Amino acid sequence: MRRVRYRVAASLDGYHGARMTWRGLWLCSAVFAAFAAAYQLVGIEPSRPAALLFSYGPPAAVAVWVDADARRRRRSPCWDLGIGA
C-alpha cells in the first residue's frame, strides 16, 4: 500500500494567506517608486488618493510580507515598529 503525504497548511485557522516573497516585495516597492518618480519628472502634484497610496502602499506591502513570511515559517510575526528606539 502506498503512503500519501499531505502538506500541512502553514496556518492553523485555515487561512493560507498571500504568497508574498522578496521578489514580490521588491516589485511592489519598485512600482510605487516608479509612479512617484514619474510624478516628479512631469512636475505635477499627485492627487490626494495617489498621495495616500504612495504613503501607505509600501508599508502595507511590508506588513503583508511580514505576515506571509511568519505564516510560511510557522512563527509569530514580529511587529517591532521601532517604538523603543
N, C-alpha and C. Protein backbone atom coordinates (compact mmCIF):
# COMPACT_ATOMS: atom_id res chain seq x y z
N MET A 1 0.85 -1.18 0.00
CA MET A 1 0.00 0.00 0.00
C MET A 1 0.89 1.24 0.00
N ARG A 2 0.55 2.17 -0.82
CA ARG A 2 1.34 3.38 -0.97
C ARG A 2 0.91 4.44 0.03
N ARG A 3 1.89 5.07 0.68
CA ARG A 3 1.59 6.15 1.62
C ARG A 3 1.42 7.46 0.90
N VAL A 4 0.43 8.20 1.30
CA VAL A 4 0.18 9.51 0.71
C VAL A 4 0.49 10.56 1.76
N ARG A 5 1.35 11.49 1.39
CA ARG A 5 1.69 12.57 2.32
C ARG A 5 0.91 13.82 1.93
N TYR A 6 0.40 14.48 2.91
CA TYR A 6 -0.34 15.71 2.70
C TYR A 6 0.45 16.86 3.29
N ARG A 7 0.45 17.97 2.59
CA ARG A 7 1.12 19.16 3.12
C ARG A 7 0.22 19.79 4.16
N VAL A 8 0.80 20.14 5.26
CA VAL A 8 0.06 20.80 6.33
C VAL A 8 0.05 22.29 6.05
N ALA A 9 -1.10 22.90 6.19
CA ALA A 9 -1.21 24.34 5.96
C ALA A 9 -0.36 25.08 6.99
N ALA A 10 0.20 26.19 6.57
CA ALA A 10 1.05 26.98 7.46
C ALA A 10 0.26 27.62 8.58
N SER A 11 -1.03 27.74 8.40
CA SER A 11 -1.86 28.38 9.40
C SER A 11 -2.82 27.37 9.99
N LEU A 12 -3.07 27.50 11.26
CA LEU A 12 -3.99 26.59 11.91
C LEU A 12 -5.44 27.02 11.80
N ASP A 13 -5.67 28.26 11.43
CA ASP A 13 -7.04 28.75 11.35
C ASP A 13 -7.65 28.60 9.96
N GLY A 14 -6.95 27.96 9.05
CA GLY A 14 -7.49 27.71 7.73
C GLY A 14 -7.17 28.78 6.71
N TYR A 15 -6.64 29.92 7.13
CA TYR A 15 -6.28 30.99 6.19
C TYR A 15 -4.88 30.75 5.69
N HIS A 16 -4.72 30.63 4.39
CA HIS A 16 -3.41 30.33 3.83
C HIS A 16 -2.61 31.58 3.50
N GLY A 17 -3.25 32.72 3.44
CA GLY A 17 -2.55 33.98 3.24
C GLY A 17 -2.02 34.17 1.84
N ALA A 18 -1.51 35.34 1.61
CA ALA A 18 -0.95 35.68 0.30
C ALA A 18 0.47 35.14 0.21
N ARG A 19 0.88 34.83 -0.98
CA ARG A 19 2.24 34.35 -1.22
C ARG A 19 3.13 35.54 -1.56
N MET A 20 3.52 36.29 -0.56
CA MET A 20 4.39 37.45 -0.78
C MET A 20 5.82 37.00 -0.55
N THR A 21 6.66 37.18 -1.55
CA THR A 21 8.06 36.82 -1.45
C THR A 21 8.90 38.09 -1.51
N TRP A 22 10.20 37.91 -1.37
CA TRP A 22 11.10 39.06 -1.52
C TRP A 22 10.92 39.70 -2.88
N ARG A 23 10.78 38.87 -3.91
CA ARG A 23 10.61 39.40 -5.26
C ARG A 23 9.34 40.23 -5.36
N GLY A 24 8.26 39.75 -4.78
CA GLY A 24 7.01 40.50 -4.79
C GLY A 24 7.12 41.81 -4.03
N LEU A 25 7.83 41.78 -2.91
CA LEU A 25 8.03 42.99 -2.12
C LEU A 25 8.83 44.02 -2.91
N TRP A 26 9.91 43.58 -3.55
CA TRP A 26 10.73 44.48 -4.36
C TRP A 26 9.94 45.02 -5.55
N LEU A 27 9.15 44.16 -6.17
CA LEU A 27 8.36 44.59 -7.32
C LEU A 27 7.32 45.63 -6.91
N CYS A 28 6.66 45.40 -5.81
CA CYS A 28 5.66 46.35 -5.31
C CYS A 28 6.32 47.69 -4.98
N SER A 29 7.45 47.65 -4.33
CA SER A 29 8.16 48.89 -3.99
C SER A 29 8.65 49.61 -5.24
N ALA A 30 9.11 48.85 -6.24
CA ALA A 30 9.59 49.45 -7.48
C ALA A 30 8.45 50.13 -8.24
N VAL A 31 7.26 49.53 -8.22
CA VAL A 31 6.12 50.13 -8.91
C VAL A 31 5.74 51.45 -8.23
N PHE A 32 5.67 51.45 -6.90
CA PHE A 32 5.35 52.69 -6.19
C PHE A 32 6.41 53.76 -6.45
N ALA A 33 7.68 53.37 -6.43
CA ALA A 33 8.76 54.33 -6.67
C ALA A 33 8.72 54.87 -8.11
N ALA A 34 8.39 54.02 -9.07
CA ALA A 34 8.33 54.46 -10.46
C ALA A 34 7.21 55.48 -10.66
N PHE A 35 6.04 55.23 -10.07
CA PHE A 35 4.95 56.18 -10.21
C PHE A 35 5.26 57.50 -9.50
N ALA A 36 5.87 57.41 -8.33
CA ALA A 36 6.24 58.64 -7.62
C ALA A 36 7.29 59.42 -8.41
N ALA A 37 8.25 58.73 -9.01
CA ALA A 37 9.27 59.40 -9.82
C ALA A 37 8.65 60.01 -11.08
N ALA A 38 7.67 59.34 -11.65
CA ALA A 38 7.00 59.89 -12.84
C ALA A 38 6.29 61.19 -12.50
N TYR A 39 5.64 61.25 -11.35
CA TYR A 39 5.00 62.50 -10.93
C TYR A 39 6.04 63.59 -10.76
N GLN A 40 7.19 63.26 -10.21
CA GLN A 40 8.25 64.25 -10.02
C GLN A 40 8.81 64.74 -11.35
N LEU A 41 9.01 63.81 -12.28
CA LEU A 41 9.57 64.19 -13.58
C LEU A 41 8.61 65.08 -14.38
N VAL A 42 7.33 64.78 -14.29
CA VAL A 42 6.35 65.59 -15.01
C VAL A 42 6.16 66.92 -14.30
N GLY A 43 6.38 66.94 -13.01
CA GLY A 43 6.29 68.18 -12.26
C GLY A 43 4.89 68.54 -11.80
N ILE A 44 4.04 67.55 -11.66
CA ILE A 44 2.69 67.83 -11.17
C ILE A 44 2.51 67.22 -9.79
N GLU A 45 1.59 67.77 -9.08
CA GLU A 45 1.26 67.28 -7.73
C GLU A 45 0.33 66.08 -7.86
N PRO A 46 0.63 64.97 -7.18
CA PRO A 46 -0.29 63.82 -7.26
C PRO A 46 -1.62 64.13 -6.57
N SER A 47 -2.67 63.48 -7.05
CA SER A 47 -3.98 63.68 -6.43
C SER A 47 -3.94 63.13 -5.01
N ARG A 48 -4.94 63.49 -4.24
CA ARG A 48 -4.99 63.05 -2.84
C ARG A 48 -4.99 61.52 -2.71
N PRO A 49 -5.81 60.79 -3.49
CA PRO A 49 -5.76 59.32 -3.39
C PRO A 49 -4.39 58.75 -3.80
N ALA A 50 -3.77 59.33 -4.82
CA ALA A 50 -2.46 58.85 -5.25
C ALA A 50 -1.41 59.12 -4.17
N ALA A 51 -1.48 60.29 -3.55
CA ALA A 51 -0.53 60.61 -2.48
C ALA A 51 -0.70 59.66 -1.29
N LEU A 52 -1.94 59.33 -0.96
CA LEU A 52 -2.18 58.36 0.11
C LEU A 52 -1.65 56.98 -0.26
N LEU A 53 -1.84 56.61 -1.52
CA LEU A 53 -1.34 55.31 -1.98
C LEU A 53 0.19 55.26 -1.92
N PHE A 54 0.85 56.36 -2.32
CA PHE A 54 2.31 56.41 -2.27
C PHE A 54 2.81 56.39 -0.82
N SER A 55 2.03 56.94 0.10
CA SER A 55 2.44 56.98 1.50
C SER A 55 2.23 55.66 2.22
N TYR A 56 1.08 55.03 1.97
CA TYR A 56 0.73 53.83 2.72
C TYR A 56 0.92 52.53 1.96
N GLY A 57 1.18 52.58 0.68
CA GLY A 57 1.35 51.37 -0.12
C GLY A 57 2.58 50.55 0.25
N PRO A 58 3.79 51.13 0.24
CA PRO A 58 4.97 50.35 0.59
C PRO A 58 4.94 49.79 2.02
N PRO A 59 4.54 50.57 3.04
CA PRO A 59 4.46 49.94 4.37
C PRO A 59 3.42 48.82 4.45
N ALA A 60 2.32 48.95 3.70
CA ALA A 60 1.32 47.88 3.67
C ALA A 60 1.90 46.63 3.01
N ALA A 61 2.70 46.82 1.96
CA ALA A 61 3.35 45.67 1.31
C ALA A 61 4.31 44.97 2.27
N VAL A 62 5.03 45.75 3.06
CA VAL A 62 5.94 45.15 4.05
C VAL A 62 5.14 44.39 5.10
N ALA A 63 4.01 44.93 5.53
CA ALA A 63 3.17 44.24 6.52
C ALA A 63 2.64 42.92 5.97
N VAL A 64 2.23 42.91 4.70
CA VAL A 64 1.76 41.67 4.08
C VAL A 64 2.90 40.67 3.98
N TRP A 65 4.11 41.16 3.64
CA TRP A 65 5.25 40.26 3.54
C TRP A 65 5.62 39.67 4.90
N VAL A 66 5.64 40.50 5.95
CA VAL A 66 5.97 40.01 7.30
C VAL A 66 4.98 38.94 7.72
N ASP A 67 3.69 39.17 7.47
CA ASP A 67 2.67 38.20 7.85
C ASP A 67 2.82 36.90 7.05
N ALA A 68 3.04 36.99 5.74
CA ALA A 68 3.19 35.80 4.91
C ALA A 68 4.45 35.03 5.28
N ASP A 69 5.53 35.75 5.57
CA ASP A 69 6.77 35.08 5.96
C ASP A 69 6.62 34.37 7.30
N ALA A 70 5.93 35.00 8.24
CA ALA A 70 5.71 34.37 9.54
C ALA A 70 4.84 33.13 9.40
N ARG A 71 3.83 33.19 8.56
CA ARG A 71 2.98 32.01 8.34
C ARG A 71 3.75 30.90 7.65
N ARG A 72 4.60 31.26 6.69
CA ARG A 72 5.38 30.24 5.98
C ARG A 72 6.35 29.54 6.93
N ARG A 73 6.93 30.30 7.84
CA ARG A 73 7.89 29.73 8.79
C ARG A 73 7.25 29.21 10.06
N ARG A 74 5.92 29.39 10.16
CA ARG A 74 5.16 28.97 11.34
C ARG A 74 5.69 29.63 12.61
N ARG A 75 5.86 30.92 12.53
CA ARG A 75 6.32 31.73 13.65
C ARG A 75 5.32 32.86 13.88
N SER A 76 5.44 33.50 15.01
CA SER A 76 4.64 34.70 15.27
C SER A 76 5.27 35.87 14.55
N PRO A 77 4.46 36.71 13.90
CA PRO A 77 5.06 37.86 13.22
C PRO A 77 5.63 38.85 14.22
N CYS A 78 6.75 39.46 13.86
CA CYS A 78 7.39 40.46 14.71
C CYS A 78 6.98 41.84 14.22
N TRP A 79 6.19 42.53 14.99
CA TRP A 79 5.70 43.84 14.59
C TRP A 79 6.44 44.94 15.34
N ASP A 80 7.76 44.84 15.44
CA ASP A 80 8.56 45.86 16.08
C ASP A 80 8.61 47.09 15.17
N LEU A 81 7.96 48.13 15.56
CA LEU A 81 7.88 49.32 14.70
C LEU A 81 8.90 50.37 15.09
N GLY A 82 9.89 50.00 15.85
CA GLY A 82 10.91 50.96 16.24
C GLY A 82 10.46 51.91 17.33
N ILE A 83 9.44 51.52 18.07
CA ILE A 83 8.92 52.40 19.13
C ILE A 83 9.92 52.55 20.26
N GLY A 84 10.66 51.49 20.55
CA GLY A 84 11.60 51.52 21.66
C GLY A 84 12.93 52.19 21.30
N ALA A 85 13.08 52.60 20.05
CA ALA A 85 14.37 53.18 19.65
C ALA A 85 14.48 54.64 20.04
